[in-house]
Amino acid sequence: MRNTMRLAATTLAASTLAVGALTALSPPAEAKIDSGRYTYVTWNHFGEQTIRQEIKIIGNRIFVKRGISHVLHPTPRGAWYDNAGVRTTFWRSGDGYAGTQKPFWDRANRVRLLPGWGLDQAPPT
């Protein structure tokens, strides 16, 4: 009986160490939006384009205007940031990122981040 208890305790300790080692060695479960230049496009809930501007992402910051930036918070699929009661969420989609821009007082808008600066390009569908 004593050997069985010792074996059970040893097995439990070994499995706990194995899980801890796998957790420490596994890659983080976060996506990150790649740094670079993007074209930022939004459409309201009627499908009308409301914003089309050039932005930069450097590290974990999104620069929406000269001198104005927000912290990007990584998620398993992309990232999000808040700006004055509006949460913008992005996820990987095709060659860029798709997402929503949700003011707490209204319906969500659609958002796209397209790689490169292309204000003269037609908007994606």
N, C-alpha and C. Protein backbone atom coordinates (compact mmCIF):
# COMPACT_ATOMS: atom_id res chain seq x y z
N MET A 1 0.82 -1.20 0.00
CA MET A 1 0.00 0.00 0.00
C MET A 1 0.86 1.25 0.00
N ARG A 2 1.94 1.20 0.79
CA ARG A 2 2.82 2.34 0.89
C ARG A 2 3.52 2.59 -0.46
N ASN A 3 3.88 1.52 -1.15
CA ASN A 3 4.53 1.66 -2.46
C ASN A 3 3.57 2.27 -3.48
N THR A 4 2.29 1.89 -3.40
CA THR A 4 1.28 2.43 -4.31
C THR A 4 1.11 3.93 -4.08
N MET A 5 1.07 4.36 -2.84
CA MET A 5 0.93 5.79 -2.52
C MET A 5 2.15 6.56 -3.00
N ARG A 6 3.34 5.99 -2.81
CA ARG A 6 4.58 6.63 -3.23
C ARG A 6 4.60 6.75 -4.76
N LEU A 7 4.18 5.70 -5.45
CA LEU A 7 4.13 5.71 -6.90
C LEU A 7 3.14 6.76 -7.41
N ALA A 8 1.98 6.87 -6.76
CA ALA A 8 0.97 7.85 -7.16
C ALA A 8 1.49 9.27 -6.95
N ALA A 9 2.15 9.51 -5.83
CA ALA A 9 2.70 10.84 -5.55
C ALA A 9 3.80 11.20 -6.54
N THR A 10 4.65 10.25 -6.88
CA THR A 10 5.73 10.49 -7.84
C THR A 10 5.16 10.77 -9.23
N THR A 11 4.15 10.02 -9.63
CA THR A 11 3.51 10.23 -10.93
C THR A 11 2.86 11.60 -11.00
N LEU A 12 2.19 12.00 -9.93
CA LEU A 12 1.54 13.32 -9.88
C LEU A 12 2.59 14.43 -9.98
N ALA A 13 3.67 14.30 -9.24
CA ALA A 13 4.73 15.31 -9.27
C ALA A 13 5.37 15.39 -10.66
N ALA A 14 5.61 14.25 -11.28
CA ALA A 14 6.22 14.24 -12.61
C ALA A 14 5.30 14.86 -13.65
N SER A 15 4.02 14.56 -13.57
CA SER A 15 3.08 15.14 -14.54
C SER A 15 2.93 16.64 -14.34
N THR A 16 2.97 17.10 -13.10
CA THR A 16 2.90 18.53 -12.83
C THR A 16 4.11 19.25 -13.41
N LEU A 17 5.29 18.67 -13.24
CA LEU A 17 6.51 19.25 -13.81
C LEU A 17 6.46 19.26 -15.34
N ALA A 18 5.93 18.21 -15.94
CA ALA A 18 5.84 18.13 -17.40
C ALA A 18 4.90 19.20 -17.94
N VAL A 19 3.76 19.39 -17.30
CA VAL A 19 2.81 20.42 -17.74
C VAL A 19 3.44 21.80 -17.59
N GLY A 20 4.13 22.03 -16.49
CA GLY A 20 4.80 23.31 -16.28
C GLY A 20 5.86 23.57 -17.33
N ALA A 21 6.64 22.56 -17.67
CA ALA A 21 7.68 22.72 -18.68
C ALA A 21 7.08 22.99 -20.05
N LEU A 22 6.02 22.30 -20.41
CA LEU A 22 5.36 22.53 -21.70
C LEU A 22 4.77 23.92 -21.78
N THR A 23 4.20 24.38 -20.68
CA THR A 23 3.62 25.72 -20.65
C THR A 23 4.71 26.77 -20.82
N ALA A 24 5.83 26.58 -20.16
CA ALA A 24 6.91 27.56 -20.24
C ALA A 24 7.53 27.59 -21.63
N LEU A 25 7.59 26.46 -22.32
CA LEU A 25 8.23 26.38 -23.62
C LEU A 25 7.30 26.68 -24.79
N SER A 26 5.99 26.66 -24.57
CA SER A 26 5.06 26.87 -25.67
C SER A 26 5.04 28.35 -26.07
N PRO A 27 4.77 28.65 -27.34
CA PRO A 27 4.71 30.04 -27.77
C PRO A 27 3.48 30.72 -27.16
N PRO A 28 3.54 32.04 -27.01
CA PRO A 28 2.40 32.73 -26.42
C PRO A 28 1.16 32.60 -27.30
N ALA A 29 0.00 32.57 -26.66
CA ALA A 29 -1.26 32.42 -27.39
C ALA A 29 -1.79 33.79 -27.78
N GLU A 30 -0.90 34.63 -28.34
CA GLU A 30 -1.30 35.96 -28.74
C GLU A 30 -0.87 36.20 -30.17
N ALA A 31 -1.71 36.85 -30.89
CA ALA A 31 -1.32 37.31 -32.22
C ALA A 31 -0.84 38.73 -32.06
N LYS A 32 -0.17 39.23 -33.04
CA LYS A 32 0.29 40.60 -33.00
C LYS A 32 0.16 41.16 -34.40
N ILE A 33 -0.33 42.37 -34.50
CA ILE A 33 -0.41 43.02 -35.80
C ILE A 33 1.00 43.45 -36.17
N ASP A 34 1.41 43.09 -37.38
CA ASP A 34 2.76 43.39 -37.83
C ASP A 34 2.98 44.89 -37.91
N SER A 35 4.17 45.34 -37.51
CA SER A 35 4.52 46.75 -37.64
C SER A 35 4.58 47.12 -39.12
N GLY A 36 4.23 48.36 -39.42
CA GLY A 36 4.31 48.83 -40.80
C GLY A 36 3.29 49.91 -41.09
N ARG A 37 3.20 50.24 -42.37
CA ARG A 37 2.25 51.25 -42.85
C ARG A 37 0.99 50.55 -43.34
N TYR A 38 -0.15 51.14 -43.03
CA TYR A 38 -1.44 50.55 -43.41
C TYR A 38 -2.39 51.64 -43.90
N THR A 39 -3.34 51.24 -44.71
CA THR A 39 -4.47 52.08 -45.04
C THR A 39 -5.62 51.62 -44.15
N TYR A 40 -6.18 52.53 -43.38
CA TYR A 40 -7.22 52.26 -42.39
C TYR A 40 -8.55 52.71 -42.98
N VAL A 41 -9.49 51.79 -43.14
CA VAL A 41 -10.77 52.09 -43.79
C VAL A 41 -11.89 51.65 -42.85
N THR A 42 -12.91 52.50 -42.70
CA THR A 42 -14.10 52.11 -41.92
C THR A 42 -15.36 52.37 -42.74
N TRP A 43 -16.36 51.54 -42.49
CA TRP A 43 -17.69 51.70 -43.07
C TRP A 43 -18.69 51.71 -41.93
N ASN A 44 -19.70 52.58 -42.01
CA ASN A 44 -20.72 52.58 -40.97
C ASN A 44 -21.69 51.41 -41.18
N HIS A 45 -22.67 51.29 -40.30
CA HIS A 45 -23.58 50.15 -40.37
C HIS A 45 -24.52 50.22 -41.58
N PHE A 46 -24.51 51.34 -42.32
CA PHE A 46 -25.28 51.43 -43.57
C PHE A 46 -24.44 51.00 -44.76
N GLY A 47 -23.15 50.72 -44.55
CA GLY A 47 -22.26 50.32 -45.63
C GLY A 47 -21.55 51.47 -46.31
N GLU A 48 -21.67 52.69 -45.77
CA GLU A 48 -21.02 53.86 -46.35
C GLU A 48 -19.61 54.00 -45.78
N GLN A 49 -18.63 54.24 -46.65
CA GLN A 49 -17.26 54.45 -46.17
C GLN A 49 -17.20 55.76 -45.41
N THR A 50 -16.67 55.73 -44.19
CA THR A 50 -16.63 56.93 -43.36
C THR A 50 -15.21 57.44 -43.14
N ILE A 51 -14.23 56.57 -43.12
CA ILE A 51 -12.84 56.98 -42.91
C ILE A 51 -11.96 56.20 -43.87
N ARG A 52 -10.97 56.89 -44.43
CA ARG A 52 -9.92 56.23 -45.22
C ARG A 52 -8.67 57.07 -44.99
N GLN A 53 -7.75 56.54 -44.20
CA GLN A 53 -6.55 57.31 -43.87
C GLN A 53 -5.34 56.39 -43.76
N GLU A 54 -4.18 57.01 -43.79
CA GLU A 54 -2.92 56.29 -43.64
C GLU A 54 -2.57 56.24 -42.15
N ILE A 55 -2.16 55.07 -41.68
CA ILE A 55 -1.74 54.92 -40.29
C ILE A 55 -0.45 54.12 -40.25
N LYS A 56 0.21 54.16 -39.10
CA LYS A 56 1.41 53.35 -38.87
C LYS A 56 1.20 52.52 -37.62
N ILE A 57 1.77 51.34 -37.63
CA ILE A 57 1.83 50.51 -36.43
C ILE A 57 3.30 50.25 -36.16
N ILE A 58 3.72 50.62 -34.97
CA ILE A 58 5.10 50.40 -34.54
C ILE A 58 5.03 49.69 -33.19
N GLY A 59 5.50 48.44 -33.17
CA GLY A 59 5.44 47.65 -31.93
C GLY A 59 4.00 47.44 -31.52
N ASN A 60 3.67 47.88 -30.30
CA ASN A 60 2.31 47.70 -29.80
C ASN A 60 1.53 49.02 -29.81
N ARG A 61 1.89 49.95 -30.70
CA ARG A 61 1.17 51.22 -30.79
C ARG A 61 0.66 51.43 -32.21
N ILE A 62 -0.55 51.98 -32.29
CA ILE A 62 -1.14 52.36 -33.57
C ILE A 62 -1.18 53.89 -33.60
N PHE A 63 -0.57 54.47 -34.64
CA PHE A 63 -0.50 55.92 -34.80
C PHE A 63 -1.55 56.33 -35.82
N VAL A 64 -2.64 56.96 -35.32
CA VAL A 64 -3.76 57.31 -36.20
C VAL A 64 -3.65 58.71 -36.78
N LYS A 65 -2.96 59.60 -36.10
CA LYS A 65 -2.70 60.95 -36.58
C LYS A 65 -1.32 61.34 -36.05
N ARG A 66 -0.76 62.37 -36.62
CA ARG A 66 0.55 62.82 -36.16
C ARG A 66 0.50 63.12 -34.65
N GLY A 67 1.29 62.38 -33.90
CA GLY A 67 1.37 62.59 -32.46
C GLY A 67 0.31 61.90 -31.65
N ILE A 68 -0.69 61.29 -32.28
CA ILE A 68 -1.76 60.60 -31.54
C ILE A 68 -1.62 59.11 -31.78
N SER A 69 -1.46 58.37 -30.69
CA SER A 69 -1.34 56.93 -30.82
C SER A 69 -2.10 56.25 -29.69
N HIS A 70 -2.35 54.97 -29.87
CA HIS A 70 -3.06 54.16 -28.87
C HIS A 70 -2.31 52.85 -28.70
N VAL A 71 -2.45 52.26 -27.52
CA VAL A 71 -1.80 50.98 -27.25
C VAL A 71 -2.64 49.86 -27.82
N LEU A 72 -1.99 48.98 -28.60
CA LEU A 72 -2.65 47.78 -29.12
C LEU A 72 -2.50 46.65 -28.11
N HIS A 73 -3.60 45.97 -27.82
CA HIS A 73 -3.60 44.85 -26.89
C HIS A 73 -3.76 43.56 -27.69
N PRO A 74 -2.73 42.70 -27.74
CA PRO A 74 -2.82 41.47 -28.52
C PRO A 74 -3.91 40.54 -28.03
N THR A 75 -4.52 39.82 -28.96
CA THR A 75 -5.51 38.78 -28.66
C THR A 75 -5.07 37.52 -29.41
N PRO A 76 -5.72 36.39 -29.19
CA PRO A 76 -5.33 35.19 -29.93
C PRO A 76 -5.48 35.33 -31.45
N ARG A 77 -6.32 36.26 -31.93
CA ARG A 77 -6.54 36.39 -33.37
C ARG A 77 -6.03 37.71 -33.96
N GLY A 78 -5.68 38.69 -33.16
CA GLY A 78 -5.27 39.99 -33.68
C GLY A 78 -4.92 40.95 -32.56
N ALA A 79 -5.70 42.03 -32.43
CA ALA A 79 -5.46 43.01 -31.38
C ALA A 79 -6.67 43.94 -31.26
N TRP A 80 -6.69 44.74 -30.20
CA TRP A 80 -7.74 45.74 -30.01
C TRP A 80 -7.14 46.97 -29.35
N TYR A 81 -7.85 48.11 -29.50
CA TYR A 81 -7.50 49.32 -28.75
C TYR A 81 -8.78 50.11 -28.47
N ASP A 82 -8.73 50.92 -27.43
CA ASP A 82 -9.85 51.79 -27.06
C ASP A 82 -9.48 53.24 -27.31
N ASN A 83 -10.48 54.03 -27.73
CA ASN A 83 -10.30 55.45 -27.95
C ASN A 83 -11.60 56.17 -27.62
N ALA A 84 -11.64 56.82 -26.49
CA ALA A 84 -12.78 57.65 -26.08
C ALA A 84 -14.12 56.92 -26.19
N GLY A 85 -14.22 55.75 -25.61
CA GLY A 85 -15.48 55.02 -25.61
C GLY A 85 -15.74 54.18 -26.84
N VAL A 86 -14.76 54.08 -27.73
CA VAL A 86 -14.91 53.28 -28.94
C VAL A 86 -13.84 52.19 -28.91
N ARG A 87 -14.26 50.93 -28.96
CA ARG A 87 -13.31 49.82 -29.02
C ARG A 87 -13.19 49.35 -30.46
N THR A 88 -11.96 49.31 -30.95
CA THR A 88 -11.66 48.81 -32.28
C THR A 88 -10.93 47.49 -32.13
N THR A 89 -11.45 46.46 -32.79
CA THR A 89 -10.90 45.11 -32.71
C THR A 89 -10.51 44.65 -34.10
N PHE A 90 -9.32 44.06 -34.22
CA PHE A 90 -8.82 43.56 -35.50
C PHE A 90 -8.54 42.07 -35.41
N TRP A 91 -8.69 41.38 -36.53
CA TRP A 91 -8.26 39.98 -36.63
C TRP A 91 -7.70 39.78 -38.03
N ARG A 92 -6.78 38.82 -38.15
CA ARG A 92 -6.12 38.53 -39.43
C ARG A 92 -7.16 38.14 -40.47
N SER A 93 -7.07 38.74 -41.67
CA SER A 93 -8.00 38.44 -42.74
C SER A 93 -7.32 38.71 -44.07
N GLY A 94 -7.05 37.66 -44.82
CA GLY A 94 -6.38 37.82 -46.10
C GLY A 94 -5.00 38.41 -45.93
N ASP A 95 -4.68 39.44 -46.72
CA ASP A 95 -3.36 40.06 -46.61
C ASP A 95 -3.31 41.19 -45.60
N GLY A 96 -4.41 41.46 -44.90
CA GLY A 96 -4.45 42.52 -43.90
C GLY A 96 -5.21 42.08 -42.68
N TYR A 97 -6.01 42.99 -42.16
CA TYR A 97 -6.80 42.72 -40.97
C TYR A 97 -8.20 43.28 -41.16
N ALA A 98 -9.19 42.56 -40.70
CA ALA A 98 -10.57 43.03 -40.69
C ALA A 98 -10.95 43.27 -39.24
N GLY A 99 -12.09 43.89 -39.01
CA GLY A 99 -12.50 44.09 -37.64
C GLY A 99 -13.75 44.93 -37.50
N THR A 100 -13.97 45.36 -36.27
CA THR A 100 -15.12 46.19 -35.95
C THR A 100 -14.66 47.38 -35.12
N GLN A 101 -15.43 48.44 -35.23
CA GLN A 101 -15.22 49.64 -34.42
C GLN A 101 -16.54 49.88 -33.71
N LYS A 102 -16.59 49.64 -32.41
CA LYS A 102 -17.86 49.62 -31.69
C LYS A 102 -17.93 50.72 -30.64
N PRO A 103 -18.66 51.81 -30.95
CA PRO A 103 -18.94 52.78 -29.90
C PRO A 103 -19.94 52.18 -28.91
N PHE A 104 -19.82 52.49 -27.64
CA PHE A 104 -20.72 51.88 -26.66
C PHE A 104 -22.15 52.37 -26.83
N TRP A 105 -22.37 53.44 -27.59
CA TRP A 105 -23.71 54.00 -27.75
C TRP A 105 -24.37 53.66 -29.08
N ASP A 106 -23.69 52.92 -29.97
CA ASP A 106 -24.25 52.69 -31.30
C ASP A 106 -23.82 51.33 -31.83
N ARG A 107 -24.31 51.00 -33.03
CA ARG A 107 -23.94 49.74 -33.68
C ARG A 107 -22.49 49.79 -34.17
N ALA A 108 -21.94 48.61 -34.41
CA ALA A 108 -20.54 48.50 -34.82
C ALA A 108 -20.34 48.88 -36.29
N ASN A 109 -19.21 49.50 -36.56
CA ASN A 109 -18.77 49.78 -37.93
C ASN A 109 -17.79 48.69 -38.34
N ARG A 110 -17.66 48.46 -39.66
CA ARG A 110 -16.65 47.52 -40.16
C ARG A 110 -15.34 48.28 -40.37
N VAL A 111 -14.23 47.59 -40.14
CA VAL A 111 -12.90 48.19 -40.26
C VAL A 111 -12.00 47.26 -41.06
N ARG A 112 -11.09 47.84 -41.86
CA ARG A 112 -10.06 47.06 -42.56
C ARG A 112 -8.73 47.78 -42.41
N LEU A 113 -7.68 47.00 -42.19
CA LEU A 113 -6.31 47.49 -42.26
C LEU A 113 -5.68 46.81 -43.46
N LEU A 114 -5.31 47.60 -44.45
CA LEU A 114 -4.69 47.07 -45.67
C LEU A 114 -3.21 47.43 -45.66
N PRO A 115 -2.33 46.47 -45.94
CA PRO A 115 -0.91 46.77 -45.93
C PRO A 115 -0.55 47.83 -46.97
N GLY A 116 0.31 48.73 -46.58
CA GLY A 116 0.77 49.79 -47.48
C GLY A 116 -0.16 50.99 -47.45
N TRP A 117 0.34 52.07 -48.01
CA TRP A 117 -0.47 53.28 -48.11
C TRP A 117 -1.04 53.34 -49.50
N GLY A 118 -2.36 53.24 -49.60
CA GLY A 118 -3.01 53.24 -50.90
C GLY A 118 -4.32 53.98 -50.88
N LEU A 119 -4.28 55.26 -50.62
CA LEU A 119 -5.53 56.02 -50.55
C LEU A 119 -6.19 56.14 -51.92
N ASP A 120 -5.41 55.94 -52.99
CA ASP A 120 -5.99 56.06 -54.33
C ASP A 120 -6.59 54.74 -54.82
N GLN A 121 -6.43 53.66 -54.06
CA GLN A 121 -6.97 52.36 -54.45
C GLN A 121 -8.46 52.29 -54.15
N ALA A 122 -9.14 51.45 -54.89
CA ALA A 122 -10.57 51.21 -54.59
C ALA A 122 -10.68 50.47 -53.27
N PRO A 123 -11.72 50.74 -52.50
CA PRO A 123 -11.87 50.04 -51.23
C PRO A 123 -12.15 48.56 -51.44
N PRO A 124 -11.68 47.71 -50.51
CA PRO A 124 -11.96 46.28 -50.63
C PRO A 124 -13.42 45.97 -50.35
N THR A 125 -13.86 44.84 -50.78
CA THR A 125 -15.26 44.46 -50.53
C THR A 125 -15.36 43.64 -49.28
